[in-house]
Amino acid sequence: MERIDKHNYYLDICQTILERGTCLRRNFGAIIVKNDEIMSSGYSGAPRGRKNCSDLGYCRRQELNVERGTRYELCRSVHAEQNAIISARRQDMIGGSMYLVGKEMNTGELVKKAEPCLLCKRFIINSGISKVIVRDTQKEFRIINVQEWIDNDDSLIGKGTY
């Protein structure tokens, strides 16, 4: 029996968490891990007490055919990365890793070239997380060094994938 590696273990957990998401376009699951312990998790969904797009039966950004990575002010959801960060203590995030998996709701496929949006990158930098591990295929992933976002400020102007 071949044992699953730790990155794919945590990414599989994210893939389960994203199933709680309420976005009609794409859902993400995120976890923060430090010292091989899960500190918090998050998925895409409206703020507590507000109706989700899945409850309303429509997505405003989808109705307006908004391009991926733009016009987040029209989105009802709090992103998975933000929800994971909100649920953790900063001391439990400093030097930790964030794992992230996204799913296209219309096809059920993984989000291609997934990457945190501009605002989530800022949250991740301020949280003290040092790495973001993103699933590209069922077994392949990328490891993003957060210091590269800090060193290359222009990357914080680019588009995300929600």
N, C-alpha and C. Protein backbone atom coordinates (compact mmCIF):
# COMPACT_ATOMS: atom_id res chain seq x y z
N MET A 1 0.84 -1.19 0.00
CA MET A 1 0.00 0.00 0.00
C MET A 1 0.89 1.26 0.00
N GLU A 2 0.60 2.16 -0.93
CA GLU A 2 1.36 3.41 -1.00
C GLU A 2 0.67 4.47 -0.15
N ARG A 3 1.44 5.08 0.72
CA ARG A 3 0.92 6.09 1.62
C ARG A 3 0.87 7.45 0.91
N ILE A 4 -0.21 8.18 1.10
CA ILE A 4 -0.38 9.50 0.49
C ILE A 4 0.61 10.48 1.12
N ASP A 5 1.19 11.36 0.28
CA ASP A 5 2.10 12.36 0.82
C ASP A 5 1.29 13.43 1.56
N LYS A 6 1.97 14.18 2.42
CA LYS A 6 1.28 15.15 3.28
C LYS A 6 0.61 16.27 2.50
N HIS A 7 1.25 16.77 1.44
CA HIS A 7 0.62 17.85 0.68
C HIS A 7 -0.72 17.39 0.11
N ASN A 8 -0.75 16.22 -0.50
CA ASN A 8 -2.00 15.73 -1.07
C ASN A 8 -3.01 15.36 0.02
N TYR A 9 -2.54 14.93 1.17
CA TYR A 9 -3.42 14.68 2.30
C TYR A 9 -4.18 15.96 2.68
N TYR A 10 -3.44 17.06 2.85
CA TYR A 10 -4.07 18.32 3.22
C TYR A 10 -4.92 18.87 2.08
N LEU A 11 -4.48 18.70 0.84
CA LEU A 11 -5.26 19.16 -0.31
C LEU A 11 -6.56 18.36 -0.43
N ASP A 12 -6.52 17.07 -0.11
CA ASP A 12 -7.75 16.27 -0.12
C ASP A 12 -8.74 16.79 0.92
N ILE A 13 -8.24 17.20 2.07
CA ILE A 13 -9.10 17.78 3.11
C ILE A 13 -9.74 19.06 2.57
N CYS A 14 -8.95 19.90 1.90
CA CYS A 14 -9.50 21.13 1.31
C CYS A 14 -10.59 20.81 0.29
N GLN A 15 -10.36 19.76 -0.47
CA GLN A 15 -11.32 19.39 -1.50
C GLN A 15 -12.65 18.96 -0.87
N THR A 16 -12.60 18.37 0.30
CA THR A 16 -13.83 18.04 1.02
C THR A 16 -14.48 19.30 1.58
N ILE A 17 -13.67 20.19 2.14
CA ILE A 17 -14.18 21.43 2.74
C ILE A 17 -14.89 22.28 1.70
N LEU A 18 -14.38 22.34 0.48
CA LEU A 18 -14.99 23.20 -0.54
C LEU A 18 -16.42 22.78 -0.87
N GLU A 19 -16.77 21.54 -0.56
CA GLU A 19 -18.14 21.06 -0.81
C GLU A 19 -19.17 21.77 0.08
N ARG A 20 -18.71 22.47 1.12
CA ARG A 20 -19.60 23.27 1.96
C ARG A 20 -19.86 24.65 1.35
N GLY A 21 -19.08 25.02 0.34
CA GLY A 21 -19.20 26.33 -0.29
C GLY A 21 -20.58 26.56 -0.89
N THR A 22 -20.94 27.82 -1.00
CA THR A 22 -22.28 28.18 -1.46
C THR A 22 -22.27 29.02 -2.73
N CYS A 23 -21.12 29.18 -3.34
CA CYS A 23 -20.99 29.95 -4.57
C CYS A 23 -21.50 29.13 -5.75
N LEU A 24 -22.15 29.78 -6.69
CA LEU A 24 -22.68 29.09 -7.86
C LEU A 24 -21.65 29.02 -8.99
N ARG A 25 -20.58 29.82 -8.93
CA ARG A 25 -19.56 29.84 -9.98
C ARG A 25 -18.42 28.88 -9.68
N ARG A 26 -17.76 29.11 -8.56
CA ARG A 26 -16.65 28.24 -8.16
C ARG A 26 -16.51 28.28 -6.65
N ASN A 27 -16.19 27.14 -6.09
CA ASN A 27 -16.02 27.05 -4.64
C ASN A 27 -14.59 26.66 -4.33
N PHE A 28 -14.09 27.20 -3.23
CA PHE A 28 -12.74 26.91 -2.77
C PHE A 28 -12.80 26.40 -1.34
N GLY A 29 -11.85 25.58 -0.99
CA GLY A 29 -11.63 25.14 0.38
C GLY A 29 -10.20 25.48 0.75
N ALA A 30 -10.00 25.96 1.96
CA ALA A 30 -8.66 26.34 2.43
C ALA A 30 -8.45 25.84 3.84
N ILE A 31 -7.23 25.44 4.12
CA ILE A 31 -6.84 25.14 5.50
C ILE A 31 -5.48 25.77 5.77
N ILE A 32 -5.27 26.11 7.02
CA ILE A 32 -3.98 26.62 7.47
C ILE A 32 -3.37 25.56 8.35
N VAL A 33 -2.12 25.22 8.02
CA VAL A 33 -1.40 24.16 8.73
C VAL A 33 -0.10 24.73 9.28
N LYS A 34 0.17 24.42 10.53
CA LYS A 34 1.45 24.82 11.14
C LYS A 34 1.94 23.66 12.01
N ASN A 35 3.19 23.34 11.87
CA ASN A 35 3.80 22.24 12.63
C ASN A 35 2.99 20.96 12.48
N ASP A 36 2.53 20.71 11.25
CA ASP A 36 1.79 19.50 10.91
C ASP A 36 0.46 19.37 11.66
N GLU A 37 -0.12 20.51 12.02
CA GLU A 37 -1.41 20.54 12.69
C GLU A 37 -2.32 21.54 11.98
N ILE A 38 -3.56 21.15 11.73
CA ILE A 38 -4.52 22.04 11.09
C ILE A 38 -4.98 23.08 12.11
N MET A 39 -4.76 24.35 11.78
CA MET A 39 -5.10 25.46 12.67
C MET A 39 -6.51 25.97 12.42
N SER A 40 -6.93 25.99 11.14
CA SER A 40 -8.27 26.47 10.80
C SER A 40 -8.60 26.07 9.38
N SER A 41 -9.88 26.25 9.05
CA SER A 41 -10.34 25.94 7.70
C SER A 41 -11.33 27.01 7.26
N GLY A 42 -11.57 27.07 5.95
CA GLY A 42 -12.54 28.01 5.44
C GLY A 42 -13.03 27.58 4.07
N TYR A 43 -14.23 28.02 3.74
CA TYR A 43 -14.79 27.78 2.41
C TYR A 43 -15.50 29.05 1.97
N SER A 44 -15.87 29.12 0.69
CA SER A 44 -16.52 30.29 0.11
C SER A 44 -17.98 30.34 0.53
N GLY A 45 -18.42 31.50 1.00
CA GLY A 45 -19.82 31.67 1.37
C GLY A 45 -20.11 33.07 1.87
N ALA A 46 -21.38 33.44 1.86
CA ALA A 46 -21.80 34.76 2.31
C ALA A 46 -21.47 34.94 3.80
N PRO A 47 -21.31 36.19 4.24
CA PRO A 47 -21.09 36.43 5.66
C PRO A 47 -22.22 35.84 6.50
N ARG A 48 -21.90 35.46 7.72
CA ARG A 48 -22.88 34.87 8.63
C ARG A 48 -24.15 35.71 8.68
N GLY A 49 -25.29 35.05 8.58
CA GLY A 49 -26.57 35.73 8.68
C GLY A 49 -27.10 36.28 7.37
N ARG A 50 -26.25 36.34 6.34
CA ARG A 50 -26.71 36.81 5.02
C ARG A 50 -27.02 35.63 4.14
N LYS A 51 -27.88 35.82 3.17
CA LYS A 51 -28.23 34.74 2.25
C LYS A 51 -27.09 34.46 1.29
N ASN A 52 -26.88 33.17 1.03
CA ASN A 52 -25.88 32.73 0.07
C ASN A 52 -26.46 32.74 -1.33
N CYS A 53 -25.60 32.80 -2.33
CA CYS A 53 -26.07 32.72 -3.73
C CYS A 53 -26.82 31.42 -3.96
N SER A 54 -26.37 30.34 -3.33
CA SER A 54 -27.06 29.06 -3.50
C SER A 54 -28.47 29.11 -2.92
N ASP A 55 -28.70 29.94 -1.89
CA ASP A 55 -30.05 30.11 -1.33
C ASP A 55 -30.91 31.00 -2.23
N LEU A 56 -30.28 32.02 -2.81
CA LEU A 56 -30.99 32.96 -3.67
C LEU A 56 -31.27 32.38 -5.05
N GLY A 57 -30.40 31.46 -5.47
CA GLY A 57 -30.57 30.84 -6.78
C GLY A 57 -29.95 31.62 -7.93
N TYR A 58 -29.14 32.61 -7.60
CA TYR A 58 -28.45 33.36 -8.65
C TYR A 58 -27.14 33.94 -8.12
N CYS A 59 -26.26 34.24 -9.06
CA CYS A 59 -24.99 34.90 -8.76
C CYS A 59 -24.96 36.19 -9.56
N ARG A 60 -24.83 37.30 -8.88
CA ARG A 60 -24.85 38.61 -9.55
C ARG A 60 -23.72 38.72 -10.57
N ARG A 61 -22.53 38.25 -10.21
CA ARG A 61 -21.39 38.33 -11.13
C ARG A 61 -21.64 37.47 -12.37
N GLN A 62 -22.27 36.32 -12.15
CA GLN A 62 -22.57 35.44 -13.28
C GLN A 62 -23.63 36.07 -14.18
N GLU A 63 -24.66 36.67 -13.59
CA GLU A 63 -25.71 37.34 -14.36
C GLU A 63 -25.14 38.45 -15.24
N LEU A 64 -24.15 39.18 -14.71
CA LEU A 64 -23.54 40.29 -15.43
C LEU A 64 -22.38 39.85 -16.33
N ASN A 65 -22.10 38.54 -16.34
CA ASN A 65 -21.00 37.98 -17.13
C ASN A 65 -19.67 38.66 -16.79
N VAL A 66 -19.42 38.84 -15.50
CA VAL A 66 -18.20 39.49 -15.02
C VAL A 66 -17.02 38.55 -15.22
N GLU A 67 -15.94 39.09 -15.77
CA GLU A 67 -14.73 38.32 -16.03
C GLU A 67 -14.11 37.82 -14.72
N ARG A 68 -13.62 36.59 -14.77
CA ARG A 68 -12.93 35.99 -13.63
C ARG A 68 -11.81 36.92 -13.16
N GLY A 69 -11.74 37.11 -11.85
CA GLY A 69 -10.68 37.92 -11.27
C GLY A 69 -10.99 39.41 -11.19
N THR A 70 -12.22 39.80 -11.51
CA THR A 70 -12.57 41.23 -11.48
C THR A 70 -13.89 41.45 -10.73
N ARG A 71 -14.12 42.70 -10.34
CA ARG A 71 -15.38 43.17 -9.76
C ARG A 71 -15.84 42.38 -8.53
N TYR A 72 -14.92 42.12 -7.61
CA TYR A 72 -15.27 41.36 -6.40
C TYR A 72 -16.30 42.05 -5.54
N GLU A 73 -16.46 43.37 -5.69
CA GLU A 73 -17.45 44.07 -4.88
C GLU A 73 -18.87 43.61 -5.19
N LEU A 74 -19.06 42.93 -6.31
CA LEU A 74 -20.37 42.40 -6.67
C LEU A 74 -20.63 41.02 -6.07
N CYS A 75 -19.61 40.42 -5.49
CA CYS A 75 -19.70 39.06 -4.96
C CYS A 75 -20.24 39.07 -3.53
N ARG A 76 -21.14 38.17 -3.22
CA ARG A 76 -21.71 38.05 -1.87
C ARG A 76 -20.77 37.29 -0.93
N SER A 77 -19.85 36.52 -1.49
CA SER A 77 -19.06 35.58 -0.68
C SER A 77 -17.84 36.19 0.00
N VAL A 78 -17.53 35.61 1.13
CA VAL A 78 -16.23 35.78 1.76
C VAL A 78 -15.41 34.60 1.24
N HIS A 79 -14.20 34.87 0.77
CA HIS A 79 -13.39 33.81 0.17
C HIS A 79 -12.89 32.81 1.22
N ALA A 80 -12.62 31.61 0.76
CA ALA A 80 -12.15 30.53 1.64
C ALA A 80 -10.91 30.94 2.41
N GLU A 81 -9.96 31.59 1.73
CA GLU A 81 -8.72 32.01 2.39
C GLU A 81 -9.03 32.99 3.52
N GLN A 82 -9.93 33.93 3.26
CA GLN A 82 -10.30 34.91 4.28
C GLN A 82 -10.97 34.23 5.47
N ASN A 83 -11.88 33.31 5.19
CA ASN A 83 -12.57 32.61 6.27
C ASN A 83 -11.59 31.79 7.12
N ALA A 84 -10.61 31.16 6.49
CA ALA A 84 -9.61 30.40 7.24
C ALA A 84 -8.78 31.33 8.12
N ILE A 85 -8.38 32.47 7.58
CA ILE A 85 -7.58 33.43 8.34
C ILE A 85 -8.38 34.02 9.49
N ILE A 86 -9.64 34.36 9.25
CA ILE A 86 -10.51 34.92 10.30
C ILE A 86 -10.65 33.95 11.46
N SER A 87 -10.61 32.65 11.17
CA SER A 87 -10.85 31.63 12.19
C SER A 87 -9.60 31.21 12.95
N ALA A 88 -8.45 31.80 12.63
CA ALA A 88 -7.21 31.40 13.29
C ALA A 88 -6.60 32.56 14.08
N ARG A 89 -5.78 32.19 15.06
CA ARG A 89 -5.01 33.20 15.79
C ARG A 89 -3.75 33.50 14.98
N ARG A 90 -3.31 34.72 14.95
CA ARG A 90 -2.14 35.07 14.15
C ARG A 90 -0.92 34.25 14.57
N GLN A 91 -0.73 34.03 15.84
CA GLN A 91 0.43 33.26 16.28
C GLN A 91 0.40 31.83 15.74
N ASP A 92 -0.79 31.34 15.40
CA ASP A 92 -0.91 30.00 14.83
C ASP A 92 -0.73 30.00 13.31
N MET A 93 -0.63 31.18 12.71
CA MET A 93 -0.44 31.27 11.26
C MET A 93 0.99 31.63 10.88
N ILE A 94 1.68 32.38 11.73
CA ILE A 94 3.03 32.85 11.39
C ILE A 94 3.93 31.65 11.08
N GLY A 95 4.47 31.66 9.86
CA GLY A 95 5.35 30.58 9.41
C GLY A 95 4.61 29.34 8.93
N GLY A 96 3.29 29.38 8.96
CA GLY A 96 2.49 28.23 8.54
C GLY A 96 2.27 28.19 7.04
N SER A 97 1.49 27.22 6.61
CA SER A 97 1.17 27.03 5.19
C SER A 97 -0.34 27.05 5.02
N MET A 98 -0.77 27.59 3.88
CA MET A 98 -2.17 27.54 3.52
C MET A 98 -2.31 26.59 2.34
N TYR A 99 -3.26 25.68 2.43
CA TYR A 99 -3.59 24.76 1.33
C TYR A 99 -4.88 25.24 0.71
N LEU A 100 -4.97 25.16 -0.63
CA LEU A 100 -6.10 25.74 -1.34
C LEU A 100 -6.49 24.87 -2.53
N VAL A 101 -7.79 24.57 -2.63
CA VAL A 101 -8.33 23.82 -3.77
C VAL A 101 -9.61 24.51 -4.23
N GLY A 102 -9.76 24.64 -5.55
CA GLY A 102 -10.96 25.25 -6.12
C GLY A 102 -11.64 24.32 -7.10
N LYS A 103 -12.97 24.46 -7.18
CA LYS A 103 -13.79 23.62 -8.07
C LYS A 103 -14.75 24.50 -8.86
N GLU A 104 -14.76 24.30 -10.18
CA GLU A 104 -15.72 24.97 -11.06
C GLU A 104 -17.07 24.30 -10.87
N MET A 105 -18.09 25.06 -10.52
CA MET A 105 -19.37 24.45 -10.20
C MET A 105 -20.13 23.98 -11.44
N ASN A 106 -19.90 24.60 -12.59
CA ASN A 106 -20.64 24.18 -13.79
C ASN A 106 -20.08 22.90 -14.41
N THR A 107 -18.80 22.59 -14.15
CA THR A 107 -18.19 21.39 -14.73
C THR A 107 -17.76 20.36 -13.69
N GLY A 108 -17.58 20.79 -12.45
CA GLY A 108 -17.07 19.90 -11.41
C GLY A 108 -15.57 19.71 -11.47
N GLU A 109 -14.90 20.40 -12.40
CA GLU A 109 -13.44 20.28 -12.54
C GLU A 109 -12.73 21.21 -11.57
N LEU A 110 -11.46 20.89 -11.31
CA LEU A 110 -10.64 21.78 -10.49
C LEU A 110 -10.42 23.09 -11.25
N VAL A 111 -10.33 24.19 -10.50
CA VAL A 111 -10.07 25.50 -11.10
C VAL A 111 -8.66 25.48 -11.69
N LYS A 112 -8.55 25.82 -12.95
CA LYS A 112 -7.25 25.85 -13.62
C LYS A 112 -6.48 27.10 -13.21
N LYS A 113 -5.21 26.92 -12.91
CA LYS A 113 -4.33 28.03 -12.54
C LYS A 113 -4.90 28.84 -11.38
N ALA A 114 -5.47 28.16 -10.40
CA ALA A 114 -6.04 28.84 -9.24
C ALA A 114 -4.96 29.62 -8.50
N GLU A 115 -5.35 30.75 -8.00
CA GLU A 115 -4.45 31.60 -7.23
C GLU A 115 -5.30 32.53 -6.38
N PRO A 116 -4.87 32.86 -5.19
CA PRO A 116 -5.64 33.80 -4.38
C PRO A 116 -5.80 35.13 -5.10
N CYS A 117 -6.94 35.77 -4.87
CA CYS A 117 -7.18 37.09 -5.46
C CYS A 117 -6.28 38.12 -4.77
N LEU A 118 -6.29 39.33 -5.31
CA LEU A 118 -5.48 40.41 -4.77
C LEU A 118 -5.73 40.64 -3.29
N LEU A 119 -7.00 40.71 -2.88
CA LEU A 119 -7.31 40.96 -1.48
C LEU A 119 -6.87 39.79 -0.60
N CYS A 120 -7.09 38.56 -1.06
CA CYS A 120 -6.67 37.40 -0.28
C CYS A 120 -5.14 37.35 -0.14
N LYS A 121 -4.43 37.76 -1.19
CA LYS A 121 -2.96 37.82 -1.08
C LYS A 121 -2.56 38.76 0.04
N ARG A 122 -3.25 39.88 0.15
CA ARG A 122 -2.93 40.84 1.22
C ARG A 122 -3.21 40.23 2.59
N PHE A 123 -4.35 39.54 2.71
CA PHE A 123 -4.69 38.87 3.98
C PHE A 123 -3.61 37.85 4.33
N ILE A 124 -3.20 37.06 3.34
CA ILE A 124 -2.21 36.00 3.56
C ILE A 124 -0.89 36.61 4.00
N ILE A 125 -0.45 37.67 3.33
CA ILE A 125 0.80 38.33 3.71
C ILE A 125 0.71 38.81 5.16
N ASN A 126 -0.37 39.51 5.51
CA ASN A 126 -0.49 40.06 6.86
C ASN A 126 -0.66 38.99 7.93
N SER A 127 -1.17 37.83 7.55
CA SER A 127 -1.36 36.76 8.53
C SER A 127 -0.05 36.13 8.96
N GLY A 128 0.99 36.27 8.13
CA GLY A 128 2.27 35.65 8.45
C GLY A 128 2.46 34.27 7.84
N ILE A 129 1.49 33.82 7.06
CA ILE A 129 1.62 32.53 6.36
C ILE A 129 2.80 32.62 5.41
N SER A 130 3.61 31.57 5.34
CA SER A 130 4.82 31.63 4.51
C SER A 130 4.68 30.93 3.16
N LYS A 131 3.77 29.95 3.05
CA LYS A 131 3.61 29.22 1.79
C LYS A 131 2.14 28.99 1.51
N VAL A 132 1.80 28.98 0.22
CA VAL A 132 0.46 28.61 -0.22
C VAL A 132 0.63 27.45 -1.19
N ILE A 133 -0.04 26.34 -0.90
CA ILE A 133 0.04 25.14 -1.73
C ILE A 133 -1.31 25.01 -2.44
N VAL A 134 -1.28 25.04 -3.78
CA VAL A 134 -2.50 25.06 -4.58
C VAL A 134 -2.57 23.79 -5.43
N ARG A 135 -3.71 23.11 -5.39
CA ARG A 135 -3.91 21.91 -6.20
C ARG A 135 -4.22 22.31 -7.65
N ASP A 136 -3.46 21.71 -8.58
CA ASP A 136 -3.68 21.93 -10.01
C ASP A 136 -4.43 20.76 -10.65
N THR A 137 -4.04 19.55 -10.29
CA THR A 137 -4.74 18.34 -10.72
C THR A 137 -4.89 17.47 -9.48
N GLN A 138 -5.52 16.33 -9.65
CA GLN A 138 -5.79 15.48 -8.48
C GLN A 138 -4.51 15.09 -7.73
N LYS A 139 -3.36 15.05 -8.40
CA LYS A 139 -2.10 14.69 -7.72
C LYS A 139 -1.02 15.76 -7.82
N GLU A 140 -1.24 16.78 -8.64
CA GLU A 140 -0.22 17.81 -8.83
C GLU A 140 -0.61 19.10 -8.12
N PHE A 141 0.40 19.79 -7.62
CA PHE A 141 0.19 21.03 -6.89
C PHE A 141 1.37 21.95 -7.09
N ARG A 142 1.16 23.23 -6.78
CA ARG A 142 2.21 24.24 -6.82
C ARG A 142 2.42 24.76 -5.40
N ILE A 143 3.66 25.09 -5.11
CA ILE A 143 3.97 25.72 -3.83
C ILE A 143 4.40 27.15 -4.12
N ILE A 144 3.66 28.09 -3.56
CA ILE A 144 3.94 29.51 -3.76
C ILE A 144 4.58 30.03 -2.48
N ASN A 145 5.74 30.65 -2.62
CA ASN A 145 6.42 31.26 -1.50
C ASN A 145 5.86 32.67 -1.34
N VAL A 146 5.21 32.96 -0.23
CA VAL A 146 4.56 34.25 0.00
C VAL A 146 5.57 35.40 -0.06
N GLN A 147 6.80 35.15 0.31
CA GLN A 147 7.83 36.19 0.24
C GLN A 147 7.98 36.73 -1.17
N GLU A 148 7.71 35.89 -2.19
CA GLU A 148 7.78 36.35 -3.58
C GLU A 148 6.73 37.43 -3.85
N TRP A 149 5.55 37.34 -3.23
CA TRP A 149 4.53 38.37 -3.39
C TRP A 149 5.02 39.68 -2.77
N ILE A 150 5.70 39.56 -1.64
CA ILE A 150 6.21 40.74 -0.95
C ILE A 150 7.34 41.37 -1.76
N ASP A 151 8.26 40.53 -2.25
CA ASP A 151 9.41 41.02 -3.02
C ASP A 151 8.99 41.60 -4.37
N ASN A 152 7.96 41.03 -4.97
CA ASN A 152 7.50 41.48 -6.28
C ASN A 152 6.13 42.12 -6.11
N ASP A 153 6.12 43.36 -5.67
CA ASP A 153 4.88 44.06 -5.37
C ASP A 153 3.90 44.06 -6.53
N ASP A 154 4.40 43.98 -7.76
CA ASP A 154 3.52 43.98 -8.93
C ASP A 154 2.58 42.79 -8.93
N SER A 155 2.97 41.68 -8.30
CA SER A 155 2.10 40.50 -8.27
C SER A 155 0.83 40.78 -7.48
N LEU A 156 0.82 41.81 -6.67
CA LEU A 156 -0.36 42.15 -5.89
C LEU A 156 -1.34 43.01 -6.68
N ILE A 157 -1.02 43.26 -7.92
CA ILE A 157 -1.92 44.02 -8.79
C ILE A 157 -2.63 43.09 -9.75
N GLY A 158 -2.14 41.85 -9.87
CA GLY A 158 -2.69 40.89 -10.83
C GLY A 158 -4.07 40.39 -10.44
N LYS A 159 -4.61 39.55 -11.30
CA LYS A 159 -5.95 39.00 -11.09
C LYS A 159 -5.87 37.70 -10.30
N GLY A 160 -6.88 37.45 -9.49
CA GLY A 160 -7.04 36.17 -8.81
C GLY A 160 -7.98 35.30 -9.61
N THR A 161 -8.52 34.27 -8.98
CA THR A 161 -9.30 33.31 -9.76
C THR A 161 -10.73 33.11 -9.30
N TYR A 162 -11.25 33.88 -8.39
CA TYR A 162 -12.62 33.66 -7.96
C TYR A 162 -13.59 34.10 -9.02
